[in-house]
Amino acid sequence: IMAEHNIIGQIGEELAANIMREKGFRVVDMNWKFGHLEMDVIAVSKKEIAFVEVKTRTSFFGRKRPEEFVDELKRRRMAAAANAYIKFNKIELVPRFDIIGITMDPNTYEVKELTHLEDAFVPPRRKNGKSSFSGQGKWKHRGRVIGK
């Protein structure tokens, strides 16, 4: 039997995938894993590739909304996962990072609140001389610049 939080998480990810489809994206991957990195939903449009973190909760923990749980460390991990995905799949689209926060009823799984933060953050830039990246088309992964 699957744990309650796994079921709620799965429902949230399916909802998030549907939201991306409604906004004109094609979902290319769900629960993509690379080593210790993972991405809930990866979707593409003509110009962009969206890396989507989905936070689904049944209540507000300490008055924090689900999307507020995506902290600096999580953003860095999302950026690292995106770097790997872009590199290994030779993606030429402009990356963006979305966060979808969903609060649902624990008994009925009815969605109480849904927040989609499009282009929620710009990944932290690494500054180390000439190799620091400039422009969204370039990404740094393990010391190598990926992209245009």
Foldseek 3Di string as FASTA:
>chain_A
DDDLVVVQVVVQLVVVCVVCVVVAWAWDDAQDDDPPATFGTWTHHPAEIEGEAEFEEQDQDVVHFRQVPCDLVNLQSSLQVVVVVCVVVVDAHQYAYKYKTWHAHSPPRHTPDIDIGTSVDDRDWDDDPPQTDDDRQWGDHPRDIDGD
